[in-house]
Amino acid sequence: MSERDWAGELERYLRESFAELCATVGQAVPFSGLRINPPLGKEEAQYFLLGLEETLFAVDDQGYVQSELLSASVHARTEQNSYRIFSHEPTTPRLLRENLCQLATASRLILKRGWLKRHVALEPGNKEHRATAQGADLLVRSATGQILIWVEVKRSAVELEKLIADLRACSRRGPHAHEDCGFPQNHPRYEFCLSHQPTYLWAVAPDAEIGFKLEYEHGRLELTELTSLPPRSLIELE
């Protein structure tokens, strides 16, 4: 039996959903069609589709996502709290690329890495809200509420590299204010680490991923790169 064409299958699903959304909101489908940039990763496409099939999440005809992995406030579907894979503004709907990758990553944590749904929490889709409030895209918590894994989703490997470089720069300097930081884009994530002290960071993009063990000493953050994120059994033993 030949392997499923995961990327091709997801691309067809997204294009059909996009056309349905445009019809629902009274917009014409753009001449250029749906832009998927960057292109879909194979594993990203696989686990997004498997997440749909295993009902880890569902997407309605307006692109809104329903999932028990989301907090109750996100289900209210207000403009500030809504979580979706397509935006409706300013005039033509577009794919919210990082949210797609985020959902696929949540699916990977559960279906490939063995975490239970109650361990995994998706943060709201508003990127600015996450950066200033939680500083996280996904969180994996223990049964007692401890943050075991902080998951950050980016569009590309280049953005992953910038995230890590900024975190290291902030750490070398030590605790400092956001307005006094030379790396304001990722400074809230540095503050998130110091405040919540997750044990691991898993940074993911459609074309790359990288893992780190996080340690804290005298108000500083130390990142030790890993060859891969440890399995659930080892993380829970810690």
Protein backbone atom coordinates (compact mmCIF):
# COMPACT_ATOMS: atom_id res chain seq x y z
CA MET A 1 0.00 0.00 0.00
CA SER A 2 1.42 3.37 -0.98
CA GLU A 3 1.92 6.05 1.67
CA ARG A 4 -0.63 8.83 1.82
CA ASP A 5 0.28 12.09 0.15
CA TRP A 6 -0.16 14.04 3.38
CA ALA A 7 0.93 17.44 2.04
CA GLY A 8 -1.18 17.12 -1.12
CA GLU A 9 -4.19 15.98 0.87
CA LEU A 10 -3.93 18.86 3.34
CA GLU A 11 -3.42 21.38 0.56
CA ARG A 12 -6.65 20.20 -1.10
CA TYR A 13 -8.47 20.42 2.24
CA LEU A 14 -7.22 23.97 2.85
CA ARG A 15 -8.11 25.16 -0.64
CA GLU A 16 -11.62 23.71 -0.37
CA SER A 17 -12.07 25.21 3.11
CA PHE A 18 -10.78 28.57 1.87
CA ALA A 19 -13.26 28.61 -1.02
CA GLU A 20 -16.08 27.70 1.38
CA LEU A 21 -15.05 30.47 3.76
CA CYS A 22 -14.96 33.06 0.98
CA ALA A 23 -18.47 32.05 -0.05
CA THR A 24 -19.68 32.18 3.57
CA VAL A 25 -18.36 35.71 4.19
CA GLY A 26 -19.37 36.98 0.74
CA GLN A 27 -15.87 37.38 -0.68
CA ALA A 28 -14.67 36.31 -4.08
CA VAL A 29 -11.84 33.80 -4.08
CA PRO A 30 -8.70 35.76 -5.06
CA PHE A 31 -7.38 35.17 -8.57
CA SER A 32 -4.12 33.89 -7.04
CA GLY A 33 -6.03 31.45 -4.84
CA LEU A 34 -4.90 30.45 -1.36
CA ARG A 35 -1.28 31.24 -0.50
CA ILE A 36 0.42 28.63 1.68
CA ASN A 37 3.73 30.20 2.68
CA PRO A 38 5.96 28.58 3.77
CA PRO A 39 5.03 25.29 2.06
CA LEU A 40 3.55 22.50 4.16
CA GLY A 41 5.98 20.18 5.92
CA LYS A 42 5.34 16.45 5.52
CA GLU A 43 5.05 15.68 9.22
CA GLU A 44 3.15 18.92 9.81
CA ALA A 45 0.57 17.91 7.18
CA GLN A 46 0.36 14.35 8.50
CA TYR A 47 -0.35 15.32 12.09
CA PHE A 48 -2.76 18.11 11.23
CA LEU A 49 -4.87 15.63 9.24
CA LEU A 50 -4.55 12.95 11.93
CA GLY A 51 -5.62 15.51 14.53
CA LEU A 52 -8.76 16.17 12.50
CA GLU A 53 -9.43 12.46 12.04
CA GLU A 54 -8.92 11.70 15.73
CA THR A 55 -11.17 14.68 16.63
CA LEU A 56 -8.48 16.43 18.63
CA PHE A 57 -9.84 19.56 16.96
CA ALA A 58 -12.42 20.55 14.35
CA VAL A 59 -12.64 23.50 11.96
CA ASP A 60 -15.98 25.04 10.97
CA ASP A 61 -16.94 26.71 7.67
CA GLN A 62 -15.63 30.08 8.89
CA GLY A 63 -12.24 28.70 9.87
CA TYR A 64 -12.87 28.74 13.62
CA VAL A 65 -11.28 25.92 15.60
CA GLN A 66 -13.06 23.98 18.32
CA SER A 67 -11.02 21.78 20.63
CA GLU A 68 -10.96 20.71 24.25
CA LEU A 69 -7.26 21.61 24.12
CA LEU A 70 -8.31 25.29 24.05
CA SER A 71 -9.24 27.26 27.15
CA ALA A 72 -12.91 28.04 27.75
CA SER A 73 -12.40 31.73 26.95
CA VAL A 74 -11.28 30.92 23.41
CA HIS A 75 -14.51 29.05 22.71
CA ALA A 76 -16.41 32.33 23.22
CA ARG A 77 -15.31 33.29 19.67
CA THR A 78 -14.89 37.00 20.34
CA GLU A 79 -12.52 38.87 18.04
CA GLN A 80 -9.86 38.99 20.77
CA ASN A 81 -10.18 35.39 21.91
CA SER A 82 -11.13 33.50 18.74
CA TYR A 83 -8.82 30.81 17.44
CA ARG A 84 -8.95 29.99 13.74
CA ILE A 85 -6.85 28.91 10.78
CA PHE A 86 -8.14 31.63 8.44
CA SER A 87 -8.34 35.35 9.13
CA HIS A 88 -11.28 37.39 7.84
CA GLU A 89 -9.56 40.77 7.67
CA PRO A 90 -8.82 43.27 6.36
CA THR A 91 -10.67 42.41 3.13
CA THR A 92 -9.67 38.98 1.82
CA PRO A 93 -9.40 35.91 4.06
CA ARG A 94 -5.93 34.39 4.39
CA LEU A 95 -4.32 31.38 6.01
CA LEU A 96 -2.96 31.92 9.52
CA ARG A 97 0.12 29.86 8.86
CA GLU A 98 1.51 29.55 12.38
CA ASN A 99 -1.83 28.41 13.79
CA LEU A 100 -1.86 25.55 11.29
CA CYS A 101 1.59 24.45 12.46
CA GLN A 102 0.56 24.90 16.08
CA LEU A 103 -2.40 22.53 15.72
CA ALA A 104 -0.21 19.96 13.96
CA THR A 105 2.34 20.23 16.79
CA ALA A 106 -0.32 19.67 19.44
CA SER A 107 -1.42 16.60 17.51
CA ARG A 108 2.17 15.32 17.40
CA LEU A 109 2.53 15.68 21.16
CA ILE A 110 -0.54 13.51 21.72
CA LEU A 111 -0.50 11.02 18.85
CA LYS A 112 3.27 10.56 18.43
CA ARG A 113 4.84 11.48 21.76
CA GLY A 114 2.23 9.97 24.07
CA TRP A 115 1.00 12.96 26.04
CA LEU A 116 -2.64 12.90 27.09
CA LYS A 117 -5.07 15.59 26.01
CA ARG A 118 -5.29 16.89 29.56
CA HIS A 119 -1.54 17.59 29.53
CA VAL A 120 -1.58 19.77 26.40
CA ALA A 121 -2.91 23.35 26.32
CA LEU A 122 -3.26 25.47 23.19
CA GLU A 123 -2.93 29.21 23.72
CA PRO A 124 -5.20 31.76 21.92
CA GLY A 125 -4.47 32.45 18.26
CA ASN A 126 -3.70 36.16 18.73
CA LYS A 127 0.10 36.21 18.53
CA GLU A 128 0.46 39.60 20.21
CA HIS A 129 -1.79 38.49 23.07
CA ARG A 130 0.31 35.37 23.64
CA ALA A 131 3.58 37.27 23.62
CA THR A 132 2.49 39.71 26.30
CA ALA A 133 0.33 37.42 28.43
CA GLN A 134 1.49 33.80 28.36
CA GLY A 135 4.54 33.94 26.13
CA ALA A 136 3.73 30.48 24.78
CA ASP A 137 2.05 28.78 21.84
CA LEU A 138 1.56 25.41 23.54
CA LEU A 139 2.16 24.22 27.07
CA VAL A 140 2.58 20.67 28.33
CA ARG A 141 1.80 20.45 32.04
CA SER A 142 2.14 17.73 34.63
CA ALA A 143 -0.84 16.42 36.60
CA THR A 144 0.01 18.96 39.31
CA GLY A 145 0.09 21.89 36.89
CA GLN A 146 3.86 22.26 36.54
CA ILE A 147 4.92 23.43 33.07
CA LEU A 148 7.08 20.62 31.69
CA ILE A 149 7.41 21.79 28.07
CA TRP A 150 7.04 25.24 26.58
CA VAL A 151 6.39 24.91 22.84
CA GLU A 152 7.05 27.88 20.56
CA VAL A 153 5.89 27.74 16.93
CA LYS A 154 7.52 29.86 14.22
CA ARG A 155 7.13 30.18 10.46
CA SER A 156 10.66 29.08 9.54
CA ALA A 157 14.01 27.76 10.76
CA VAL A 158 15.38 31.32 10.51
CA GLU A 159 12.79 32.52 13.03
CA LEU A 160 13.67 29.61 15.34
CA GLU A 161 17.32 30.68 15.23
CA LYS A 162 16.36 34.27 16.07
CA LEU A 163 14.24 33.12 19.01
CA ILE A 164 17.13 31.16 20.50
CA ALA A 165 19.67 33.92 19.82
CA ASP A 166 17.40 36.49 21.51
CA LEU A 167 16.80 34.25 24.54
CA ARG A 168 20.55 33.73 24.94
CA ALA A 169 21.20 37.48 24.61
CA CYS A 170 18.61 38.30 27.27
CA SER A 171 20.02 35.61 29.53
CA ARG A 172 23.56 36.92 29.29
CA ARG A 173 22.33 40.30 30.44
CA GLY A 174 20.16 38.97 33.24
CA PRO A 175 16.76 40.28 34.37
CA HIS A 176 15.84 43.58 32.68
CA ALA A 177 12.76 45.49 31.55
CA HIS A 178 11.09 45.02 28.18
CA GLU A 179 11.49 48.70 27.32
CA ASP A 180 15.21 48.45 28.07
CA CYS A 181 15.80 45.37 25.89
CA GLY A 182 17.51 45.28 22.50
CA PHE A 183 15.44 42.23 21.51
CA PRO A 184 11.84 43.33 22.21
CA GLN A 185 10.21 40.76 19.91
CA ASN A 186 11.22 37.80 22.07
CA HIS A 187 11.82 39.51 25.40
CA PRO A 188 8.34 38.54 26.72
CA ARG A 189 9.28 34.89 26.15
CA TYR A 190 12.42 35.38 28.22
CA GLU A 191 10.28 36.88 31.02
CA PHE A 192 7.87 33.96 30.67
CA CYS A 193 10.73 31.51 31.25
CA LEU A 194 11.97 33.27 34.36
CA SER A 195 8.45 33.56 35.76
CA HIS A 196 7.12 30.04 35.01
CA GLN A 197 10.37 28.06 34.70
CA PRO A 198 9.37 25.38 32.19
CA THR A 199 11.73 22.39 32.13
CA TYR A 200 12.06 22.13 28.34
CA LEU A 201 11.65 24.31 25.27
CA TRP A 202 10.57 22.70 22.01
CA ALA A 203 10.77 25.21 19.14
CA VAL A 204 8.98 24.07 15.98
CA ALA A 205 8.55 25.35 12.41
CA PRO A 206 7.14 23.62 9.31
CA ASP A 207 10.69 22.92 8.11
CA ALA A 208 12.62 22.52 11.39
CA GLU A 209 12.53 21.83 15.12
CA ILE A 210 14.97 22.12 18.01
CA GLY A 211 14.82 21.20 21.70
CA PHE A 212 16.47 22.55 24.83
CA LYS A 213 16.73 21.68 28.51
CA LEU A 214 16.16 24.87 30.52
CA GLU A 215 17.87 25.62 33.80
CA TYR A 216 17.66 28.64 36.06
CA GLU A 217 20.28 30.10 38.37
CA HIS A 218 20.47 33.52 40.01
CA GLY A 219 17.83 34.99 37.72
CA ARG A 220 19.50 33.70 34.56
CA LEU A 221 18.29 31.25 31.96
CA GLU A 222 20.58 28.51 30.64
CA LEU A 223 19.67 26.67 27.42
CA THR A 224 21.27 23.29 26.73
CA GLU A 225 20.56 22.02 23.22
CA LEU A 226 19.27 18.44 22.89
CA THR A 227 19.45 16.03 19.98
CA SER A 228 15.71 15.48 20.42
CA LEU A 229 12.95 16.19 22.91
CA PRO A 230 12.98 13.41 25.56
CA PRO A 231 10.03 10.99 25.64
CA ARG A 232 7.18 11.57 28.04
CA SER A 233 8.30 8.76 30.34
CA LEU A 234 11.70 10.38 31.02
CA ILE A 235 10.28 13.89 31.41
CA GLU A 236 7.69 12.70 33.95
CA LEU A 237 10.38 10.84 35.92
CA GLU A 238 12.17 14.14 36.46
